[in-house]
Amino acid sequence: RQTLNYIKSNPELSGIPVVILSTSENKMDMEVCARLGATRYMQKPYRYEEYRDVVRNCIPLIKAHS
């Protein structure tokens, strides 16, 4: 959360998409990450295909930030 907060509060970094990978199923954790600006919250274990799709969906966001 500290790293996510740092990235999203820094104007030079705030446009970088951040995907949280966590073992937590706690809704509060998910809500806090969303509120801090996480692009996506994924619970482990996850399938490779899911992760690949998330990364592919972030590419336009990365290009827009550059």
PDB file of N, CA and C in Angstrom:
ATOM      1  N   ARG A   1       0.823  -1.189   0.000  1.00  0.00           N
ATOM      2  CA  ARG A   1       0.000   0.000   0.000  1.00  0.00           C
ATOM      3  C   ARG A   1       0.864   1.248   0.000  1.00  0.00           C
ATOM      4  N   GLN A   2       1.970   1.209   0.721  1.00  0.00           N
ATOM      5  CA  GLN A   2       2.840   2.380   0.771  1.00  0.00           C
ATOM      6  C   GLN A   2       3.415   2.685  -0.610  1.00  0.00           C
ATOM      7  N   THR A   3       3.838   1.659  -1.304  1.00  0.00           N
ATOM      8  CA  THR A   3       4.398   1.859  -2.639  1.00  0.00           C
ATOM      9  C   THR A   3       3.332   2.357  -3.597  1.00  0.00           C
ATOM     10  N   LEU A   4       2.146   1.776  -3.547  1.00  0.00           N
ATOM     11  CA  LEU A   4       1.045   2.221  -4.389  1.00  0.00           C
ATOM     12  C   LEU A   4       0.716   3.684  -4.101  1.00  0.00           C
ATOM     13  N   ASN A   5       0.640   4.043  -2.851  1.00  0.00           N
ATOM     14  CA  ASN A   5       0.355   5.421  -2.461  1.00  0.00           C
ATOM     15  C   ASN A   5       1.448   6.366  -2.975  1.00  0.00           C
ATOM     16  N   TYR A   6       2.709   5.960  -2.866  1.00  0.00           N
ATOM     17  CA  TYR A   6       3.814   6.781  -3.344  1.00  0.00           C
ATOM     18  C   TYR A   6       3.710   6.998  -4.849  1.00  0.00           C
ATOM     19  N   ILE A   7       3.488   5.918  -5.588  1.00  0.00           N
ATOM     20  CA  ILE A   7       3.404   6.016  -7.051  1.00  0.00           C
ATOM     21  C   ILE A   7       2.258   6.933  -7.460  1.00  0.00           C
ATOM     22  N   LYS A   8       1.094   6.734  -6.878  1.00  0.00           N
ATOM     23  CA  LYS A   8      -0.084   7.492  -7.288  1.00  0.00           C
ATOM     24  C   LYS A   8      -0.082   8.934  -6.793  1.00  0.00           C
ATOM     25  N   SER A   9       0.707   9.243  -5.763  1.00  0.00           N
ATOM     26  CA  SER A   9       0.762  10.622  -5.274  1.00  0.00           C
ATOM     27  C   SER A   9       1.885  11.420  -5.938  1.00  0.00           C
ATOM     28  N   ASN A  10       2.729  10.767  -6.707  1.00  0.00           N
ATOM     29  CA  ASN A  10       3.825  11.433  -7.405  1.00  0.00           C
ATOM     30  C   ASN A  10       3.365  11.777  -8.823  1.00  0.00           C
ATOM     31  N   PRO A  11       3.289  13.061  -9.173  1.00  0.00           N
ATOM     32  CA  PRO A  11       2.783  13.454 -10.500  1.00  0.00           C
ATOM     33  C   PRO A  11       3.536  12.818 -11.668  1.00  0.00           C
ATOM     34  N   GLU A  12       4.823  12.564 -11.497  1.00  0.00           N
ATOM     35  CA  GLU A  12       5.607  11.962 -12.579  1.00  0.00           C
ATOM     36  C   GLU A  12       5.313  10.477 -12.753  1.00  0.00           C
ATOM     37  N   LEU A  13       4.797   9.828 -11.725  1.00  0.00           N
ATOM     38  CA  LEU A  13       4.562   8.388 -11.754  1.00  0.00           C
ATOM     39  C   LEU A  13       3.086   8.014 -11.757  1.00  0.00           C
ATOM     40  N   SER A  14       2.226   8.952 -11.439  1.00  0.00           N
ATOM     41  CA  SER A  14       0.818   8.636 -11.172  1.00  0.00           C
ATOM     42  C   SER A  14       0.079   7.971 -12.328  1.00  0.00           C
ATOM     43  N   GLY A  15       0.538   8.156 -13.549  1.00  0.00           N
ATOM     44  CA  GLY A  15      -0.134   7.543 -14.688  1.00  0.00           C
ATOM     45  C   GLY A  15       0.262   6.102 -14.950  1.00  0.00           C
ATOM     46  N   ILE A  16       1.213   5.595 -14.188  1.00  0.00           N
ATOM     47  CA  ILE A  16       1.671   4.220 -14.372  1.00  0.00           C
ATOM     48  C   ILE A  16       0.619   3.269 -13.813  1.00  0.00           C
ATOM     49  N   PRO A  17       0.153   2.319 -14.624  1.00  0.00           N
ATOM     50  CA  PRO A  17      -0.817   1.354 -14.103  1.00  0.00           C
ATOM     51  C   PRO A  17      -0.158   0.424 -13.084  1.00  0.00           C
ATOM     52  N   VAL A  18      -0.862   0.151 -11.996  1.00  0.00           N
ATOM     53  CA  VAL A  18      -0.343  -0.711 -10.936  1.00  0.00           C
ATOM     54  C   VAL A  18      -1.324  -1.857 -10.725  1.00  0.00           C
ATOM     55  N   VAL A  19      -0.814  -3.075 -10.864  1.00  0.00           N
ATOM     56  CA  VAL A  19      -1.616  -4.278 -10.631  1.00  0.00           C
ATOM     57  C   VAL A  19      -1.146  -4.884  -9.315  1.00  0.00           C
ATOM     58  N   ILE A  20      -2.074  -5.062  -8.392  1.00  0.00           N
ATOM     59  CA  ILE A  20      -1.765  -5.643  -7.091  1.00  0.00           C
ATOM     60  C   ILE A  20      -1.973  -7.156  -7.169  1.00  0.00           C
ATOM     61  N   LEU A  21      -0.946  -7.913  -6.799  1.00  0.00           N
ATOM     62  CA  LEU A  21      -1.040  -9.368  -6.707  1.00  0.00           C
ATOM     63  C   LEU A  21      -0.978  -9.712  -5.223  1.00  0.00           C
ATOM     64  N   SER A  22      -2.033 -10.320  -4.706  1.00  0.00           N
ATOM     65  CA  SER A  22      -2.114 -10.561  -3.267  1.00  0.00           C
ATOM     66  C   SER A  22      -2.792 -11.896  -2.964  1.00  0.00           C
ATOM     67  N   THR A  23      -2.487 -12.436  -1.806  1.00  0.00           N
ATOM     68  CA  THR A  23      -3.190 -13.630  -1.350  1.00  0.00           C
ATOM     69  C   THR A  23      -4.441 -13.254  -0.560  1.00  0.00           C
ATOM     70  N   SER A  24      -4.586 -11.984  -0.238  1.00  0.00           N
ATOM     71  CA  SER A  24      -5.699 -11.523   0.587  1.00  0.00           C
ATOM     72  C   SER A  24      -7.024 -11.544  -0.177  1.00  0.00           C
ATOM     73  N   GLU A  25      -8.038 -12.077   0.462  1.00  0.00           N
ATOM     74  CA  GLU A  25      -9.396 -12.044  -0.081  1.00  0.00           C
ATOM     75  C   GLU A  25     -10.244 -11.017   0.658  1.00  0.00           C
ATOM     76  N   ASN A  26      -9.612 -10.234   1.507  1.00  0.00           N
ATOM     77  CA  ASN A  26     -10.292  -9.245   2.325  1.00  0.00           C
ATOM     78  C   ASN A  26     -10.797  -8.099   1.446  1.00  0.00           C
ATOM     79  N   LYS A  27     -12.115  -7.850   1.485  1.00  0.00           N
ATOM     80  CA  LYS A  27     -12.707  -6.789   0.669  1.00  0.00           C
ATOM     81  C   LYS A  27     -12.124  -5.426   1.007  1.00  0.00           C
ATOM     82  N   MET A  28     -11.802  -5.206   2.281  1.00  0.00           N
ATOM     83  CA  MET A  28     -11.242  -3.919   2.671  1.00  0.00           C
ATOM     84  C   MET A  28      -9.901  -3.680   1.978  1.00  0.00           C
ATOM     85  N   ASP A  29      -9.066  -4.727   1.876  1.00  0.00           N
ATOM     86  CA  ASP A  29      -7.787  -4.599   1.169  1.00  0.00           C
ATOM     87  C   ASP A  29      -8.024  -4.192  -0.275  1.00  0.00           C
ATOM     88  N   MET A  30      -8.994  -4.842  -0.908  1.00  0.00           N
ATOM     89  CA  MET A  30      -9.313  -4.534  -2.302  1.00  0.00           C
ATOM     90  C   MET A  30      -9.801  -3.095  -2.446  1.00  0.00           C
ATOM     91  N   GLU A  31     -10.664  -2.674  -1.531  1.00  0.00           N
ATOM     92  CA  GLU A  31     -11.220  -1.319  -1.588  1.00  0.00           C
ATOM     93  C   GLU A  31     -10.148  -0.261  -1.366  1.00  0.00           C
ATOM     94  N   VAL A  32      -9.248  -0.513  -0.421  1.00  0.00           N
ATOM     95  CA  VAL A  32      -8.174   0.444  -0.155  1.00  0.00           C
ATOM     96  C   VAL A  32      -7.285   0.581  -1.382  1.00  0.00           C
ATOM     97  N   CYS A  33      -6.931  -0.520  -1.993  1.00  0.00           N
ATOM     98  CA  CYS A  33      -6.080  -0.470  -3.185  1.00  0.00           C
ATOM     99  C   CYS A  33      -6.786   0.264  -4.327  1.00  0.00           C
ATOM    100  N   ALA A  34      -8.059   0.023  -4.495  1.00  0.00           N
ATOM    101  CA  ALA A  34      -8.826   0.732  -5.529  1.00  0.00           C
ATOM    102  C   ALA A  34      -8.852   2.224  -5.224  1.00  0.00           C
ATOM    103  N   ARG A  35      -9.078   2.574  -3.984  1.00  0.00           N
ATOM    104  CA  ARG A  35      -9.138   3.978  -3.581  1.00  0.00           C
ATOM    105  C   ARG A  35      -7.785   4.664  -3.788  1.00  0.00           C
ATOM    106  N   LEU A  36      -6.700   3.931  -3.581  1.00  0.00           N
ATOM    107  CA  LEU A  36      -5.364   4.489  -3.781  1.00  0.00           C
ATOM    108  C   LEU A  36      -4.982   4.584  -5.252  1.00  0.00           C
ATOM    109  N   GLY A  37      -5.786   3.947  -6.124  1.00  0.00           N
ATOM    110  CA  GLY A  37      -5.539   4.087  -7.559  1.00  0.00           C
ATOM    111  C   GLY A  37      -5.020   2.862  -8.272  1.00  0.00           C
ATOM    112  N   ALA A  38      -5.097   1.693  -7.642  1.00  0.00           N
ATOM    113  CA  ALA A  38      -4.657   0.473  -8.323  1.00  0.00           C
ATOM    114  C   ALA A  38      -5.493   0.241  -9.573  1.00  0.00           C
ATOM    115  N   THR A  39      -4.839  -0.175 -10.633  1.00  0.00           N
ATOM    116  CA  THR A  39      -5.523  -0.476 -11.882  1.00  0.00           C
ATOM    117  C   THR A  39      -6.314  -1.763 -11.764  1.00  0.00           C
ATOM    118  N   ARG A  40      -5.745  -2.719 -11.048  1.00  0.00           N
ATOM    119  CA  ARG A  40      -6.389  -4.029 -10.893  1.00  0.00           C
ATOM    120  C   ARG A  40      -5.884  -4.688  -9.622  1.00  0.00           C
ATOM    121  N   TYR A  41      -6.715  -5.494  -9.003  1.00  0.00           N
ATOM    122  CA  TYR A  41      -6.361  -6.264  -7.818  1.00  0.00           C
ATOM    123  C   TYR A  41      -6.595  -7.723  -8.175  1.00  0.00           C
ATOM    124  N   MET A  42      -5.544  -8.526  -8.147  1.00  0.00           N
ATOM    125  CA  MET A  42      -5.659  -9.948  -8.480  1.00  0.00           C
ATOM    126  C   MET A  42      -5.278 -10.782  -7.266  1.00  0.00           C
ATOM    127  N   GLN A  43      -6.087 -11.794  -7.010  1.00  0.00           N
ATOM    128  CA  GLN A  43      -5.795 -12.705  -5.908  1.00  0.00           C
ATOM    129  C   GLN A  43      -5.006 -13.900  -6.417  1.00  0.00           C
ATOM    130  N   LYS A  44      -3.966 -14.241  -5.667  1.00  0.00           N
ATOM    131  CA  LYS A  44      -3.210 -15.454  -5.975  1.00  0.00           C
ATOM    132  C   LYS A  44      -3.989 -16.629  -5.431  1.00  0.00           C
ATOM    133  N   PRO A  45      -3.916 -17.805  -5.926  1.00  0.00           N
ATOM    134  CA  PRO A  45      -3.206 -18.104  -7.164  1.00  0.00           C
ATOM    135  C   PRO A  45      -4.010 -17.622  -8.369  1.00  0.00           C
ATOM    136  N   TYR A  46      -3.324 -17.220  -9.363  1.00  0.00           N
ATOM    137  CA  TYR A  46      -3.962 -16.755 -10.584  1.00  0.00           C
ATOM    138  C   TYR A  46      -3.378 -17.549 -11.746  1.00  0.00           C
ATOM    139  N   ARG A  47      -4.114 -17.603 -12.794  1.00  0.00           N
ATOM    140  CA  ARG A  47      -3.643 -18.316 -13.982  1.00  0.00           C
ATOM    141  C   ARG A  47      -2.792 -17.382 -14.835  1.00  0.00           C
ATOM    142  N   TYR A  48      -1.833 -17.955 -15.518  1.00  0.00           N
ATOM    143  CA  TYR A  48      -0.956 -17.184 -16.388  1.00  0.00           C
ATOM    144  C   TYR A  48      -1.771 -16.361 -17.386  1.00  0.00           C
ATOM    145  N   GLU A  49      -2.812 -16.952 -17.928  1.00  0.00           N
ATOM    146  CA  GLU A  49      -3.634 -16.271 -18.930  1.00  0.00           C
ATOM    147  C   GLU A  49      -4.271 -14.999 -18.365  1.00  0.00           C
ATOM    148  N   GLU A  50      -4.706 -15.078 -17.101  1.00  0.00           N
ATOM    149  CA  GLU A  50      -5.298 -13.894 -16.463  1.00  0.00           C
ATOM    150  C   GLU A  50      -4.269 -12.772 -16.361  1.00  0.00           C
ATOM    151  N   TYR A  51      -3.083 -13.123 -15.880  1.00  0.00           N
ATOM    152  CA  TYR A  51      -2.033 -12.129 -15.722  1.00  0.00           C
ATOM    153  C   TYR A  51      -1.651 -11.536 -17.077  1.00  0.00           C
ATOM    154  N   ARG A  52      -1.510 -12.373 -18.088  1.00  0.00           N
ATOM    155  CA  ARG A  52      -1.171 -11.916 -19.438  1.00  0.00           C
ATOM    156  C   ARG A  52      -2.211 -10.927 -19.942  1.00  0.00           C
ATOM    157  N   ASP A  53      -3.491 -11.237 -19.744  1.00  0.00           N
ATOM    158  CA  ASP A  53      -4.559 -10.354 -20.207  1.00  0.00           C
ATOM    159  C   ASP A  53      -4.534  -9.013 -19.483  1.00  0.00           C
ATOM    160  N   VAL A  54      -4.247  -9.041 -18.193  1.00  0.00           N
ATOM    161  CA  VAL A  54      -4.160  -7.792 -17.430  1.00  0.00           C
ATOM    162  C   VAL A  54      -3.013  -6.937 -17.973  1.00  0.00           C
ATOM    163  N   VAL A  55      -1.871  -7.553 -18.212  1.00  0.00           N
ATOM    164  CA  VAL A  55      -0.726  -6.810 -18.738  1.00  0.00           C
ATOM    165  C   VAL A  55      -1.066  -6.250 -20.115  1.00  0.00           C
ATOM    166  N   ARG A  56      -1.689  -7.026 -20.958  1.00  0.00           N
ATOM    167  CA  ARG A  56      -2.090  -6.532 -22.288  1.00  0.00           C
ATOM    168  C   ARG A  56      -3.040  -5.344 -22.182  1.00  0.00           C
ATOM    169  N   ASN A  57      -3.950  -5.389 -21.228  1.00  0.00           N
ATOM    170  CA  ASN A  57      -4.894  -4.281 -21.054  1.00  0.00           C
ATOM    171  C   ASN A  57      -4.220  -3.030 -20.506  1.00  0.00           C
ATOM    172  N   CYS A  58      -3.077  -3.195 -19.857  1.00  0.00           N
ATOM    173  CA  CYS A  58      -2.353  -2.045 -19.313  1.00  0.00           C
ATOM    174  C   CYS A  58      -1.470  -1.363 -20.356  1.00  0.00           C
ATOM    175  N   ILE A  59      -1.147  -2.039 -21.431  1.00  0.00           N
ATOM    176  CA  ILE A  59      -0.243  -1.470 -22.440  1.00  0.00           C
ATOM    177  C   ILE A  59      -0.736  -0.125 -22.964  1.00  0.00           C
ATOM    178  N   PRO A  60      -2.024   0.025 -23.320  1.00  0.00           N
ATOM    179  CA  PRO A  60      -2.469   1.354 -23.770  1.00  0.00           C
ATOM    180  C   PRO A  60      -2.316   2.428 -22.683  1.00  0.00           C
ATOM    181  N   LEU A  61      -2.480   2.056 -21.440  1.00  0.00           N
ATOM    182  CA  LEU A  61      -2.308   3.011 -20.345  1.00  0.00           C
ATOM    183  C   LEU A  61      -0.853   3.445 -20.220  1.00  0.00           C
ATOM    184  N   ILE A  62       0.047   2.499 -20.418  1.00  0.00           N
ATOM    185  CA  ILE A  62       1.479   2.801 -20.349  1.00  0.00           C
ATOM    186  C   ILE A  62       1.863   3.724 -21.502  1.00  0.00           C
ATOM    187  N   LYS A  63       1.371   3.411 -22.699  1.00  0.00           N
ATOM    188  CA  LYS A  63       1.684   4.236 -23.868  1.00  0.00           C
ATOM    189  C   LYS A  63       1.133   5.649 -23.701  1.00  0.00           C
ATOM    190  N   ALA A  64      -0.035   5.779 -23.110  1.00  0.00           N
ATOM    191  CA  ALA A  64      -0.634   7.091 -22.892  1.00  0.00           C
ATOM    192  C   ALA A  64       0.179   7.912 -21.904  1.00  0.00           C
ATOM    193  N   HIS A  65       0.838   7.238 -20.978  1.00  0.00           N
ATOM    194  CA  HIS A  65       1.629   7.932 -19.950  1.00  0.00           C
ATOM    195  C   HIS A  65       2.975   8.402 -20.496  1.00  0.00           C
ATOM    196  N   SER A  66       3.510   7.707 -21.525  1.00  0.00           N
ATOM    197  CA  SER A  66       4.860   8.049 -22.016  1.00  0.00           C
ATOM    198  C   SER A  66       4.900   9.292 -22.822  1.00  0.00           C
TER     199      SER A  66
END
